[in-house]
Amino acid sequence: MSTEYLKIDLFNPEEDKLKDIVRVLSSGGLVVFPTETVYGIGFDIESKVAMDRMEIIKKERQEKPYSISIPDLSWIKDYKLSNDSLNKLQLIRDLLPGPITFVVEREDKEKLGFRVPMNKITQSAITLFKKPIYLASANRSGGVPAKDAQEAMDNLRGEVDLIIDGGCCNLSVPSLVLDLTQNPVKILREGPLSSTTEVKKRFNIQ
């Protein structure tokens, strides 16, 4: 399959190009998005076709769940989180959007991971799509996540439908992963130094 390459203005994403992204997502396609950390492969949560294709790219991932990407924290209300998760989330609300993936618990005890990327292209595309997407780092299993569109093209050409060029990632390291379902709260993966330091301070993590 061919992979389309699309350069988009980071500060003023062109609406016609955002519609192209939505078209690909709606058809079960895989889209490589820029974020402030590393590039990520985004796809429709409800698409089995997209999920099956991701299993080929991420064949060593096994049962590890994908994080849900939303453009704004207000979207999380649809997931009916537990009061405990909501209370802990309040402590990092002002850090979002930002380089933090956070794991929370729903009222039915299901655990979900969320990401609110600080990138206008990705935020605008998801908003236009009108529903959250799954977002995983832009690399094959065991590989290094792409930090720009060219790296994504070199690594994933022929395996994804569309690669968005939004320039180089500002931080160039994967996001912090924070588990808000545990007591005490636990960092599952450290991320950018400033975010990691601030989160440790707020939750008194040594």
Foldseek 3Di string as FASTA:
>chain_A
DFAAEAEAAQVDGDPVVLVVVLVQQVVFFWEWAAFLAFIKIKHAPPRPSNVVLVCVQAVVCPPDDFAKEAQAPVVCVVQAFDPLQVVVVVLCNVCPQHQEWEWTAHPVRDIHIYHHTPTPSVNVSCVVNVHIIGIGFLAGHPDQGHQFQVVSCVHQGPSGHYYYGHDGRNHHWHGWYWYSVDVQIDTPDHTRPVVNVSVCVSSVPD
